[in-house]
Amino acid sequence: MATTLINTRKPIMVQIHASWNQFRTTDEAVEVMPMGWRFTWGRNTDMIPTAKDFPEKDAPWSSKQTVLERNAVHANKLIRLYISLNIEMAARMRVWEFFEISAGVVGKIKEKIKLLKKVTRVLKKQQQYGMDLSNATDLYLYRNDVSLDIIENALKEYPEMMKEKKARRDCARFVKNIRLKEAEEKKQRSLKDVKKFSRKTIAMLKKAHEEGYTIQDVISELEK
């Protein structure tokens, strides 16, 4: 799997060969071999040629220098995204696959670049909005019921949704403040009534005392 950039200052073919020699020992290597080979050798990976043993015309990669240089530029754009997003190894293209003799290989690379740029935008938006970040590989592969398109559309609507939520929150706070103010005013009115009643009671007791009555006499009279 591509873990570092293709070094264009060194022979690209050497890097392709190293990638193939790692790949040839896997079960996947059988699928890219010609049908005649599979008919003869079945799934025997030990019989898959090393890179240097491939006849040039039978190798699954191009040997044209112009193709190698052109594809390396596109490949490195994709590898940079692999690295920056920490895409899982199993989801990455192998170095030799960037130069595979296959119709549309450059288009395939460009599509992957486009998709990973979209993943990058989604993760940046999630970070900007203070949300938990999605797993980049899940987004890239549409894995674990994660839909990149649905999340991207939801993030486009997020600012308006938050604006509406803030408006509802501000309205609720405004209503709450009014109720608190009314409750405080009511409490103050109640305190005034208590103070007014207390002043009357004190005056009545004082007058009763002056007339020779005790507080107990007043209480007894009130209880009748």
C-alpha atoms as a PDB file:
ATOM      1  CA  MET A   1       0.000   0.000   0.000  1.00  0.00           C
ATOM      2  CA  ALA A   2       1.138   3.554  -0.704  1.00  0.00           C
ATOM      3  CA  THR A   3       2.538   4.908   2.553  1.00  0.00           C
ATOM      4  CA  THR A   4       5.053   7.431   1.213  1.00  0.00           C
ATOM      5  CA  LEU A   5       5.197   9.658  -1.839  1.00  0.00           C
ATOM      6  CA  ILE A   6       6.637   8.275  -5.038  1.00  0.00           C
ATOM      7  CA  ASN A   7      10.172   9.629  -5.303  1.00  0.00           C
ATOM      8  CA  THR A   8      10.373  11.136  -8.785  1.00  0.00           C
ATOM      9  CA  ARG A   9      14.096  11.775  -8.369  1.00  0.00           C
ATOM     10  CA  LYS A  10      14.745   8.060  -8.339  1.00  0.00           C
ATOM     11  CA  PRO A  11      13.810   5.466 -10.959  1.00  0.00           C
ATOM     12  CA  ILE A  12      10.043   5.000 -10.705  1.00  0.00           C
ATOM     13  CA  MET A  13      10.260   1.488 -12.111  1.00  0.00           C
ATOM     14  CA  VAL A  14      12.341   0.358  -9.124  1.00  0.00           C
ATOM     15  CA  GLN A  15       9.533   1.539  -6.800  1.00  0.00           C
ATOM     16  CA  ILE A  16       6.939  -0.234  -8.932  1.00  0.00           C
ATOM     17  CA  HIS A  17       8.908  -3.477  -8.753  1.00  0.00           C
ATOM     18  CA  ALA A  18       9.215  -3.257  -4.959  1.00  0.00           C
ATOM     19  CA  SER A  19       5.455  -2.718  -4.684  1.00  0.00           C
ATOM     20  CA  TRP A  20       4.664  -5.656  -6.987  1.00  0.00           C
ATOM     21  CA  ASN A  21       6.987  -8.029  -5.144  1.00  0.00           C
ATOM     22  CA  GLN A  22       5.077  -7.314  -1.929  1.00  0.00           C
ATOM     23  CA  PHE A  23       1.730  -7.687  -3.670  1.00  0.00           C
ATOM     24  CA  ARG A  24       2.501 -10.954  -5.515  1.00  0.00           C
ATOM     25  CA  THR A  25       2.403 -12.981  -2.289  1.00  0.00           C
ATOM     26  CA  THR A  26      -1.240 -12.062  -1.602  1.00  0.00           C
ATOM     27  CA  ASP A  27      -4.369 -13.862  -2.804  1.00  0.00           C
ATOM     28  CA  GLU A  28      -5.429 -10.707  -4.638  1.00  0.00           C
ATOM     29  CA  ALA A  29      -2.474 -11.063  -6.978  1.00  0.00           C
ATOM     30  CA  VAL A  30      -4.090 -14.104  -8.585  1.00  0.00           C
ATOM     31  CA  GLU A  31      -7.015 -11.990  -9.836  1.00  0.00           C
ATOM     32  CA  VAL A  32      -4.817  -9.661 -11.908  1.00  0.00           C
ATOM     33  CA  MET A  33      -2.985 -12.489 -13.679  1.00  0.00           C
ATOM     34  CA  PRO A  34      -4.084 -13.545 -17.198  1.00  0.00           C
ATOM     35  CA  MET A  35      -6.810 -16.183 -17.360  1.00  0.00           C
ATOM     36  CA  GLY A  36      -4.401 -18.671 -18.981  1.00  0.00           C
ATOM     37  CA  TRP A  37      -2.074 -18.408 -15.997  1.00  0.00           C
ATOM     38  CA  ARG A  38      -4.948 -18.972 -13.583  1.00  0.00           C
ATOM     39  CA  PHE A  39      -6.069 -21.989 -15.574  1.00  0.00           C
ATOM     40  CA  THR A  40      -2.579 -23.502 -15.358  1.00  0.00           C
ATOM     41  CA  TRP A  41      -1.527 -22.561 -11.822  1.00  0.00           C
ATOM     42  CA  GLY A  42      -4.819 -22.013 -10.021  1.00  0.00           C
ATOM     43  CA  ARG A  43      -4.358 -19.985  -6.835  1.00  0.00           C
ATOM     44  CA  ASN A  44      -0.697 -20.864  -6.323  1.00  0.00           C
ATOM     45  CA  THR A  45       0.814 -17.467  -5.462  1.00  0.00           C
ATOM     46  CA  ASP A  46       4.289 -19.004  -5.301  1.00  0.00           C
ATOM     47  CA  MET A  47       4.182 -19.277  -9.075  1.00  0.00           C
ATOM     48  CA  ILE A  48       3.410 -15.600  -9.694  1.00  0.00           C
ATOM     49  CA  PRO A  49       6.482 -14.000 -11.305  1.00  0.00           C
ATOM     50  CA  THR A  50       8.557 -11.425  -9.459  1.00  0.00           C
ATOM     51  CA  ALA A  51       8.728  -8.011 -11.078  1.00  0.00           C
ATOM     52  CA  LYS A  52      12.062  -8.636 -12.809  1.00  0.00           C
ATOM     53  CA  ASP A  53      10.871 -12.014 -14.168  1.00  0.00           C
ATOM     54  CA  PHE A  54       7.935 -10.510 -16.069  1.00  0.00           C
ATOM     55  CA  PRO A  55       8.511 -10.203 -19.791  1.00  0.00           C
ATOM     56  CA  GLU A  56       8.165  -6.493 -20.514  1.00  0.00           C
ATOM     57  CA  LYS A  57       5.176  -6.969 -22.828  1.00  0.00           C
ATOM     58  CA  ASP A  58       3.339  -9.058 -20.194  1.00  0.00           C
ATOM     59  CA  ALA A  59       3.930  -6.836 -17.170  1.00  0.00           C
ATOM     60  CA  PRO A  60       0.721  -5.354 -15.726  1.00  0.00           C
ATOM     61  CA  TRP A  61       2.295  -1.878 -15.549  1.00  0.00           C
ATOM     62  CA  SER A  62       3.428   0.571 -18.201  1.00  0.00           C
ATOM     63  CA  SER A  63       7.123   0.974 -18.958  1.00  0.00           C
ATOM     64  CA  LYS A  64       6.826   4.254 -20.887  1.00  0.00           C
ATOM     65  CA  GLN A  65       8.724   6.994 -19.084  1.00  0.00           C
ATOM     66  CA  THR A  66       6.201   9.675 -20.075  1.00  0.00           C
ATOM     67  CA  VAL A  67       3.369   7.593 -18.580  1.00  0.00           C
ATOM     68  CA  LEU A  68       5.373   6.917 -15.414  1.00  0.00           C
ATOM     69  CA  GLU A  69       6.103  10.618 -14.905  1.00  0.00           C
ATOM     70  CA  ARG A  70       2.517  11.705 -15.647  1.00  0.00           C
ATOM     71  CA  ASN A  71       0.896   9.107 -13.405  1.00  0.00           C
ATOM     72  CA  ALA A  72       3.371   9.776 -10.583  1.00  0.00           C
ATOM     73  CA  VAL A  73       2.119  13.371 -10.369  1.00  0.00           C
ATOM     74  CA  HIS A  74      -1.499  12.244  -9.945  1.00  0.00           C
ATOM     75  CA  ALA A  75      -0.466   9.407  -7.635  1.00  0.00           C
ATOM     76  CA  ASN A  76       1.367  11.730  -5.243  1.00  0.00           C
ATOM     77  CA  LYS A  77      -1.692  13.996  -4.961  1.00  0.00           C
ATOM     78  CA  LEU A  78      -3.708  10.983  -3.851  1.00  0.00           C
ATOM     79  CA  ILE A  79      -0.994   9.651  -1.528  1.00  0.00           C
ATOM     80  CA  ARG A  80      -0.771  13.045   0.215  1.00  0.00           C
ATOM     81  CA  LEU A  81      -4.493  12.782   0.978  1.00  0.00           C
ATOM     82  CA  TYR A  82      -4.072   9.187   2.186  1.00  0.00           C
ATOM     83  CA  ILE A  83      -1.412  10.359   4.627  1.00  0.00           C
ATOM     84  CA  SER A  84      -3.115  13.565   5.819  1.00  0.00           C
ATOM     85  CA  LEU A  85      -6.423  11.768   6.469  1.00  0.00           C
ATOM     86  CA  ASN A  86      -4.757   8.646   7.887  1.00  0.00           C
ATOM     87  CA  ILE A  87      -6.718   6.410   5.521  1.00  0.00           C
ATOM     88  CA  GLU A  88      -6.466   2.755   6.494  1.00  0.00           C
ATOM     89  CA  MET A  89      -3.867   0.763   4.563  1.00  0.00           C
ATOM     90  CA  ALA A  90      -6.355  -1.713   3.128  1.00  0.00           C
ATOM     91  CA  ALA A  91      -8.237   1.159   1.462  1.00  0.00           C
ATOM     92  CA  ARG A  92      -5.175   2.573  -0.327  1.00  0.00           C
ATOM     93  CA  MET A  93      -3.932   1.853  -3.830  1.00  0.00           C
ATOM     94  CA  ARG A  94      -0.606   0.108  -4.169  1.00  0.00           C
ATOM     95  CA  VAL A  95       2.237   1.920  -5.910  1.00  0.00           C
ATOM     96  CA  TRP A  96       2.270  -0.404  -8.924  1.00  0.00           C
ATOM     97  CA  GLU A  97      -1.498   0.093  -9.402  1.00  0.00           C
ATOM     98  CA  PHE A  98      -0.953   3.778 -10.200  1.00  0.00           C
ATOM     99  CA  PHE A  99       0.872   2.653 -13.348  1.00  0.00           C
ATOM    100  CA  GLU A 100      -1.283  -0.326 -14.225  1.00  0.00           C
ATOM    101  CA  ILE A 101      -1.992  -0.907 -17.907  1.00  0.00           C
ATOM    102  CA  SER A 102      -5.702  -0.343 -17.645  1.00  0.00           C
ATOM    103  CA  ALA A 103      -8.134   1.930 -19.399  1.00  0.00           C
ATOM    104  CA  GLY A 104      -8.958   4.907 -17.257  1.00  0.00           C
ATOM    105  CA  VAL A 105      -6.379   4.419 -14.488  1.00  0.00           C
ATOM    106  CA  VAL A 106      -5.710   8.174 -14.342  1.00  0.00           C
ATOM    107  CA  GLY A 107      -9.455   8.826 -14.207  1.00  0.00           C
ATOM    108  CA  LYS A 108      -9.707   6.328 -11.354  1.00  0.00           C
ATOM    109  CA  ILE A 109      -6.977   8.163  -9.434  1.00  0.00           C
ATOM    110  CA  LYS A 110      -8.662  11.533 -10.043  1.00  0.00           C
ATOM    111  CA  GLU A 111     -12.008  10.208  -8.784  1.00  0.00           C
ATOM    112  CA  LYS A 112     -10.356   9.033  -5.581  1.00  0.00           C
ATOM    113  CA  ILE A 113      -8.677  12.428  -5.162  1.00  0.00           C
ATOM    114  CA  LYS A 114     -12.033  14.168  -5.649  1.00  0.00           C
ATOM    115  CA  LEU A 115     -13.671  11.902  -3.087  1.00  0.00           C
ATOM    116  CA  LEU A 116     -10.939  12.413  -0.486  1.00  0.00           C
ATOM    117  CA  LYS A 117     -11.070  16.190  -0.960  1.00  0.00           C
ATOM    118  CA  LYS A 118     -14.778  15.970  -0.153  1.00  0.00           C
ATOM    119  CA  VAL A 119     -13.919  13.939   2.979  1.00  0.00           C
ATOM    120  CA  THR A 120     -11.420  16.673   3.945  1.00  0.00           C
ATOM    121  CA  ARG A 121     -14.082  19.390   3.585  1.00  0.00           C
ATOM    122  CA  VAL A 122     -16.561  17.443   5.721  1.00  0.00           C
ATOM    123  CA  LEU A 123     -14.031  16.884   8.506  1.00  0.00           C
ATOM    124  CA  LYS A 124     -13.024  20.577   8.477  1.00  0.00           C
ATOM    125  CA  LYS A 125     -16.680  21.610   8.779  1.00  0.00           C
ATOM    126  CA  GLN A 126     -17.234  19.171  11.641  1.00  0.00           C
ATOM    127  CA  GLN A 127     -14.176  20.593  13.405  1.00  0.00           C
ATOM    128  CA  GLN A 128     -15.341  24.163  12.751  1.00  0.00           C
ATOM    129  CA  TYR A 129     -18.750  23.421  14.277  1.00  0.00           C
ATOM    130  CA  GLY A 130     -17.227  21.657  17.302  1.00  0.00           C
ATOM    131  CA  MET A 131     -18.702  18.285  16.331  1.00  0.00           C
ATOM    132  CA  ASP A 132     -17.215  14.820  16.858  1.00  0.00           C
ATOM    133  CA  LEU A 133     -15.149  13.995  13.779  1.00  0.00           C
ATOM    134  CA  SER A 134     -16.257  11.111  11.577  1.00  0.00           C
ATOM    135  CA  ASN A 135     -13.804   8.367  10.668  1.00  0.00           C
ATOM    136  CA  ALA A 136     -12.148   9.399   7.390  1.00  0.00           C
ATOM    137  CA  THR A 137     -11.925   5.848   6.046  1.00  0.00           C
ATOM    138  CA  ASP A 138     -15.602   5.214   6.847  1.00  0.00           C
ATOM    139  CA  LEU A 139     -16.516   8.353   4.893  1.00  0.00           C
ATOM    140  CA  TYR A 140     -14.204   7.402   2.029  1.00  0.00           C
ATOM    141  CA  LEU A 141     -15.606   3.872   1.710  1.00  0.00           C
ATOM    142  CA  TYR A 142     -19.222   4.712   2.691  1.00  0.00           C
ATOM    143  CA  ARG A 143     -18.633   2.084   5.382  1.00  0.00           C
ATOM    144  CA  ASN A 144     -20.584   1.313   8.595  1.00  0.00           C
ATOM    145  CA  ASP A 145     -23.742   2.977   7.245  1.00  0.00           C
ATOM    146  CA  VAL A 146     -21.878   6.285   6.941  1.00  0.00           C
ATOM    147  CA  SER A 147     -22.971   8.284   3.908  1.00  0.00           C
ATOM    148  CA  LEU A 148     -20.591  11.062   2.911  1.00  0.00           C
ATOM    149  CA  ASP A 149     -23.265  12.770   0.799  1.00  0.00           C
ATOM    150  CA  ILE A 150     -25.848  12.790   3.609  1.00  0.00           C
ATOM    151  CA  ILE A 151     -23.336  14.195   6.114  1.00  0.00           C
ATOM    152  CA  GLU A 152     -22.156  16.819   3.625  1.00  0.00           C
ATOM    153  CA  ASN A 153     -25.735  17.976   2.952  1.00  0.00           C
ATOM    154  CA  ALA A 154     -26.505  18.053   6.676  1.00  0.00           C
ATOM    155  CA  LEU A 155     -23.456  20.255   7.272  1.00  0.00           C
ATOM    156  CA  LYS A 156     -24.629  22.678   4.580  1.00  0.00           C
ATOM    157  CA  GLU A 157     -27.904  23.103   6.494  1.00  0.00           C
ATOM    158  CA  TYR A 158     -26.188  23.232   9.897  1.00  0.00           C
ATOM    159  CA  PRO A 159     -25.624  27.049  10.066  1.00  0.00           C
ATOM    160  CA  GLU A 160     -29.308  27.768   9.342  1.00  0.00           C
ATOM    161  CA  MET A 161     -30.372  25.088  11.812  1.00  0.00           C
ATOM    162  CA  MET A 162     -28.116  26.578  14.515  1.00  0.00           C
ATOM    163  CA  LYS A 163     -29.400  30.081  13.724  1.00  0.00           C
ATOM    164  CA  GLU A 164     -32.972  28.865  14.208  1.00  0.00           C
ATOM    165  CA  LYS A 165     -31.988  27.035  17.385  1.00  0.00           C
ATOM    166  CA  LYS A 166     -30.318  30.193  18.739  1.00  0.00           C
ATOM    167  CA  ALA A 167     -33.442  32.229  17.926  1.00  0.00           C
ATOM    168  CA  ARG A 168     -35.608  29.746  19.858  1.00  0.00           C
ATOM    169  CA  ARG A 169     -33.150  29.792  22.747  1.00  0.00           C
ATOM    170  CA  ASP A 170     -33.081  33.623  22.817  1.00  0.00           C
ATOM    171  CA  CYS A 171     -36.881  33.708  22.761  1.00  0.00           C
ATOM    172  CA  ALA A 172     -37.105  31.223  25.644  1.00  0.00           C
ATOM    173  CA  ARG A 173     -34.560  33.269  27.618  1.00  0.00           C
ATOM    174  CA  PHE A 174     -36.563  36.459  26.982  1.00  0.00           C
ATOM    175  CA  VAL A 175     -39.802  34.835  28.228  1.00  0.00           C
ATOM    176  CA  LYS A 176     -38.008  33.434  31.271  1.00  0.00           C
ATOM    177  CA  ASN A 177     -36.618  36.877  32.151  1.00  0.00           C
ATOM    178  CA  ILE A 178     -40.108  38.393  31.948  1.00  0.00           C
ATOM    179  CA  ARG A 179     -41.482  35.708  34.256  1.00  0.00           C
ATOM    180  CA  LEU A 180     -38.638  36.196  36.720  1.00  0.00           C
ATOM    181  CA  LYS A 181     -39.266  39.937  36.701  1.00  0.00           C
ATOM    182  CA  GLU A 182     -42.983  39.410  37.337  1.00  0.00           C
ATOM    183  CA  ALA A 183     -42.250  36.950  40.131  1.00  0.00           C
ATOM    184  CA  GLU A 184     -39.809  39.395  41.738  1.00  0.00           C
ATOM    185  CA  GLU A 185     -42.335  42.223  41.548  1.00  0.00           C
ATOM    186  CA  LYS A 186     -45.002  39.989  43.093  1.00  0.00           C
ATOM    187  CA  LYS A 187     -42.593  39.014  45.856  1.00  0.00           C
ATOM    188  CA  GLN A 188     -41.845  42.671  46.576  1.00  0.00           C
ATOM    189  CA  ARG A 189     -45.567  43.431  46.703  1.00  0.00           C
ATOM    190  CA  SER A 190     -46.057  40.570  49.170  1.00  0.00           C
ATOM    191  CA  LEU A 191     -43.240  41.848  51.373  1.00  0.00           C
ATOM    192  CA  LYS A 192     -44.802  45.316  51.401  1.00  0.00           C
ATOM    193  CA  ASP A 193     -48.129  43.793  52.492  1.00  0.00           C
ATOM    194  CA  VAL A 194     -46.411  41.866  55.289  1.00  0.00           C
ATOM    195  CA  LYS A 195     -44.603  44.982  56.488  1.00  0.00           C
ATOM    196  CA  LYS A 196     -47.854  46.977  56.375  1.00  0.00           C
ATOM    197  CA  PHE A 197     -49.701  44.288  58.374  1.00  0.00           C
ATOM    198  CA  SER A 198     -46.819  44.082  60.854  1.00  0.00           C
ATOM    199  CA  ARG A 199     -46.917  47.845  61.480  1.00  0.00           C
ATOM    200  CA  LYS A 200     -50.663  47.691  62.178  1.00  0.00           C
ATOM    201  CA  THR A 201     -50.223  44.762  64.561  1.00  0.00           C
ATOM    202  CA  ILE A 202     -47.439  46.490  66.462  1.00  0.00           C
ATOM    203  CA  ALA A 203     -49.502  49.673  66.784  1.00  0.00           C
ATOM    204  CA  MET A 204     -52.509  47.696  68.058  1.00  0.00           C
ATOM    205  CA  LEU A 205     -50.434  45.841  70.663  1.00  0.00           C
ATOM    206  CA  LYS A 206     -48.814  49.085  71.781  1.00  0.00           C
ATOM    207  CA  LYS A 207     -52.192  50.734  72.267  1.00  0.00           C
ATOM    208  CA  ALA A 208     -53.527  47.694  74.176  1.00  0.00           C
ATOM    209  CA  HIS A 209     -50.502  47.791  76.441  1.00  0.00           C
ATOM    210  CA  GLU A 210     -51.046  51.479  77.128  1.00  0.00           C
ATOM    211  CA  GLU A 211     -54.627  50.713  78.105  1.00  0.00           C
ATOM    212  CA  GLY A 212     -53.444  48.080  80.567  1.00  0.00           C
ATOM    213  CA  TYR A 213     -54.005  44.924  78.500  1.00  0.00           C
ATOM    214  CA  THR A 214     -51.385  42.180  78.113  1.00  0.00           C
ATOM    215  CA  ILE A 215     -50.373  40.597  74.781  1.00  0.00           C
ATOM    216  CA  GLN A 216     -52.085  37.394  75.928  1.00  0.00           C
ATOM    217  CA  ASP A 217     -55.348  39.333  76.417  1.00  0.00           C
ATOM    218  CA  VAL A 218     -55.093  40.573  72.818  1.00  0.00           C
ATOM    219  CA  ILE A 219     -54.417  37.085  71.453  1.00  0.00           C
ATOM    220  CA  SER A 220     -57.308  35.640  73.398  1.00  0.00           C
ATOM    221  CA  GLU A 221     -59.592  38.319  72.036  1.00  0.00           C
ATOM    222  CA  LEU A 222     -58.473  37.612  68.462  1.00  0.00           C
ATOM    223  CA  GLU A 223     -59.089  33.899  68.875  1.00  0.00           C
ATOM    224  CA  LYS A 224     -62.743  34.355  69.913  1.00  0.00           C
END
